[in-house]
Amino acid sequence: MSRRTQLGLSQDSISRFCKLSKAEYGDIEGYEDELYMVVPLRVAQCICMALDMKLEELYCSNSNHNILPRNIIDIKLKEKNLSVAELSDFVGIYESSIEKIIDDILNIGDWVVDPIISLAEKLELELGSVLKSYSAYYDEEKMGSRGGNH
């Protein structure tokens, strides 16, 4: 990644920071589809933190996105009169995974980006807004857990 070299960071430092093997991080840099088909969103978020960039910048050219409510999936399912099964079939993700994100979009962190793109398409959401929302709630949770340690 040119961003990594601009910052003077090694592949080893990023892989250690994100708790990845050297091979895993090497594949992420070496194969663009890894970011869409293999890497869970929470790992992509960690890489972005290491590279001092926003998650939505990694996947989207436009960075002007809104933060969505944590329960946006529930809102959109009701608005579009879709069942969990219908969304699951369209996205290609188990119903149980859909159910986990219905109340809290933060639970999308274990997903890879490819089905998130399908989810955003089906629910008529901007991918960048979904990613920005995940990042915001992820940061909020991290800050909350740090605050509880005092």
Protein backbone atom coordinates (compact mmCIF):
# COMPACT_ATOMS: atom_id res chain seq x y z
CA MET A 1 0.00 0.00 0.00
CA SER A 2 1.47 3.34 -0.98
CA ARG A 3 -0.11 4.95 2.09
CA ARG A 4 1.92 2.59 4.29
CA THR A 5 5.18 3.48 2.56
CA GLN A 6 4.35 7.21 2.68
CA LEU A 7 4.00 6.88 6.45
CA GLY A 8 7.26 4.92 6.65
CA LEU A 9 5.55 1.86 8.12
CA SER A 10 6.64 -1.70 7.45
CA GLN A 11 4.36 -4.61 6.62
CA ASP A 12 5.54 -6.18 9.87
CA SER A 13 4.46 -3.20 11.96
CA ILE A 14 0.97 -3.18 10.44
CA SER A 15 0.60 -6.95 10.76
CA ARG A 16 1.64 -6.82 14.43
CA PHE A 17 -0.65 -3.86 15.16
CA CYS A 18 -3.63 -5.70 13.66
CA LYS A 19 -2.65 -9.14 15.00
CA LEU A 20 -2.23 -10.61 11.52
CA SER A 21 0.44 -12.95 10.25
CA LYS A 22 2.96 -11.52 7.79
CA ALA A 23 1.41 -13.70 5.09
CA GLU A 24 -2.12 -12.47 5.83
CA TYR A 25 -1.10 -8.83 5.61
CA GLY A 26 1.03 -9.53 2.54
CA ASP A 27 -2.01 -11.02 0.82
CA ILE A 28 -4.08 -7.96 1.70
CA GLU A 29 -1.52 -5.70 0.05
CA GLY A 30 -0.90 -8.09 -2.83
CA TYR A 31 -4.44 -8.94 -3.87
CA GLU A 32 -7.09 -6.21 -4.06
CA ASP A 33 -9.97 -8.68 -3.82
CA GLU A 34 -8.74 -9.72 -0.34
CA LEU A 35 -10.21 -6.50 1.05
CA TYR A 36 -13.62 -7.38 -0.39
CA MET A 37 -13.80 -11.15 -0.19
CA VAL A 38 -11.60 -12.28 2.73
CA VAL A 39 -10.81 -9.53 5.24
CA PRO A 40 -13.41 -8.97 7.98
CA LEU A 41 -14.48 -5.36 8.38
CA ARG A 42 -13.00 -5.16 11.89
CA VAL A 43 -9.56 -6.07 10.44
CA ALA A 44 -9.94 -3.47 7.68
CA GLN A 45 -10.83 -0.95 10.41
CA CYS A 46 -7.63 -1.83 12.28
CA ILE A 47 -5.54 -1.40 9.12
CA CYS A 48 -7.15 1.99 8.54
CA MET A 49 -6.33 3.01 12.11
CA ALA A 50 -2.71 2.02 11.54
CA LEU A 51 -2.63 3.98 8.27
CA ASP A 52 -4.41 6.99 9.80
CA MET A 53 -7.26 6.87 7.32
CA LYS A 54 -11.02 6.43 7.43
CA LEU A 55 -12.56 3.06 6.64
CA GLU A 56 -14.86 4.52 4.00
CA GLU A 57 -11.81 6.02 2.23
CA LEU A 58 -10.48 2.50 1.74
CA TYR A 59 -13.57 1.34 -0.15
CA CYS A 60 -15.24 4.49 -1.51
CA SER A 61 -14.06 7.39 -3.62
CA ASN A 62 -16.54 9.85 -2.06
CA SER A 63 -15.95 10.48 1.63
CA ASN A 64 -18.99 12.68 2.34
CA HIS A 65 -21.20 10.18 4.17
CA ASN A 66 -23.67 10.27 7.05
CA ILE A 67 -23.61 8.24 10.24
CA LEU A 68 -26.67 6.01 10.31
CA PRO A 69 -28.60 4.93 13.41
CA ARG A 70 -27.27 1.75 15.03
CA ASN A 71 -30.57 0.02 14.20
CA ILE A 72 -30.63 1.14 10.53
CA ILE A 73 -30.96 -2.45 9.30
CA ASP A 74 -34.14 -2.94 11.36
CA ILE A 75 -35.49 0.40 10.12
CA LYS A 76 -34.81 -0.48 6.47
CA LEU A 77 -36.22 -4.02 6.75
CA LYS A 78 -39.50 -2.58 8.06
CA GLU A 79 -39.50 0.28 5.56
CA LYS A 80 -39.03 -2.13 2.64
CA ASN A 81 -41.23 -4.86 4.16
CA LEU A 82 -38.42 -7.40 3.81
CA SER A 83 -37.98 -10.49 5.93
CA VAL A 84 -34.67 -11.61 7.39
CA ALA A 85 -34.85 -14.64 5.08
CA GLU A 86 -35.29 -12.46 1.98
CA LEU A 87 -32.37 -10.25 2.92
CA SER A 88 -30.27 -13.29 3.80
CA ASP A 89 -30.95 -14.85 0.39
CA PHE A 90 -30.09 -11.64 -1.46
CA VAL A 91 -26.91 -10.94 0.49
CA GLY A 92 -25.76 -14.56 0.70
CA ILE A 93 -25.25 -14.48 4.47
CA TYR A 94 -26.80 -16.75 7.11
CA GLU A 95 -30.01 -15.47 8.67
CA SER A 96 -28.32 -15.61 12.08
CA SER A 97 -25.72 -13.12 10.84
CA ILE A 98 -28.46 -10.81 9.58
CA GLU A 99 -30.25 -11.09 12.93
CA LYS A 100 -27.09 -9.98 14.75
CA ILE A 101 -26.91 -6.71 12.81
CA ILE A 102 -30.62 -5.85 12.98
CA ASP A 103 -30.36 -4.00 16.28
CA ASP A 104 -26.74 -2.92 16.07
CA ILE A 105 -24.79 -2.28 12.88
CA LEU A 106 -21.58 -2.63 14.90
CA ASN A 107 -22.06 -6.40 14.67
CA ILE A 108 -21.22 -6.22 10.97
CA GLY A 109 -17.53 -6.21 11.91
CA ASP A 110 -17.13 -9.94 11.28
CA TRP A 111 -18.47 -9.62 7.73
CA VAL A 112 -16.28 -9.11 4.69
CA VAL A 113 -17.13 -6.15 2.47
CA ASP A 114 -18.57 -8.01 -0.52
CA PRO A 115 -21.86 -8.96 1.22
CA ILE A 116 -21.96 -5.51 2.86
CA ILE A 117 -22.06 -4.06 -0.66
CA SER A 118 -25.05 -6.31 -1.45
CA LEU A 119 -26.73 -5.38 1.84
CA ALA A 120 -26.32 -1.67 1.12
CA GLU A 121 -27.67 -2.15 -2.39
CA LYS A 122 -30.76 -4.08 -1.26
CA LEU A 123 -31.56 -1.64 1.55
CA GLU A 124 -30.73 1.41 -0.61
CA LEU A 125 -27.98 2.61 1.70
CA GLU A 126 -24.72 4.23 0.65
CA LEU A 127 -21.82 1.86 1.28
CA GLY A 128 -19.77 4.76 2.61
CA SER A 129 -22.46 5.59 5.16
CA VAL A 130 -22.59 1.98 6.35
CA LEU A 131 -18.79 1.93 6.72
CA LYS A 132 -18.64 5.35 8.38
CA SER A 133 -21.36 4.27 10.83
CA TYR A 134 -19.49 1.08 11.67
CA SER A 135 -16.31 3.10 12.27
CA ALA A 136 -18.08 5.67 14.44
CA TYR A 137 -19.74 3.04 16.63
CA TYR A 138 -16.52 1.01 16.77
CA ASP A 139 -14.63 4.08 18.00
CA GLU A 140 -17.44 4.88 20.46
CA GLU A 141 -17.25 1.35 21.90
CA LYS A 142 -13.46 1.51 22.18
CA MET A 143 -13.62 4.86 23.97
CA GLY A 144 -16.36 3.55 26.26
CA SER A 145 -14.33 0.50 27.20
CA ARG A 146 -11.29 2.66 27.90
CA GLY A 147 -13.36 5.04 30.00
CA GLY A 148 -14.56 2.14 32.15
CA ASN A 149 -11.02 1.19 33.12
CA HIS A 150 -10.31 4.32 35.18
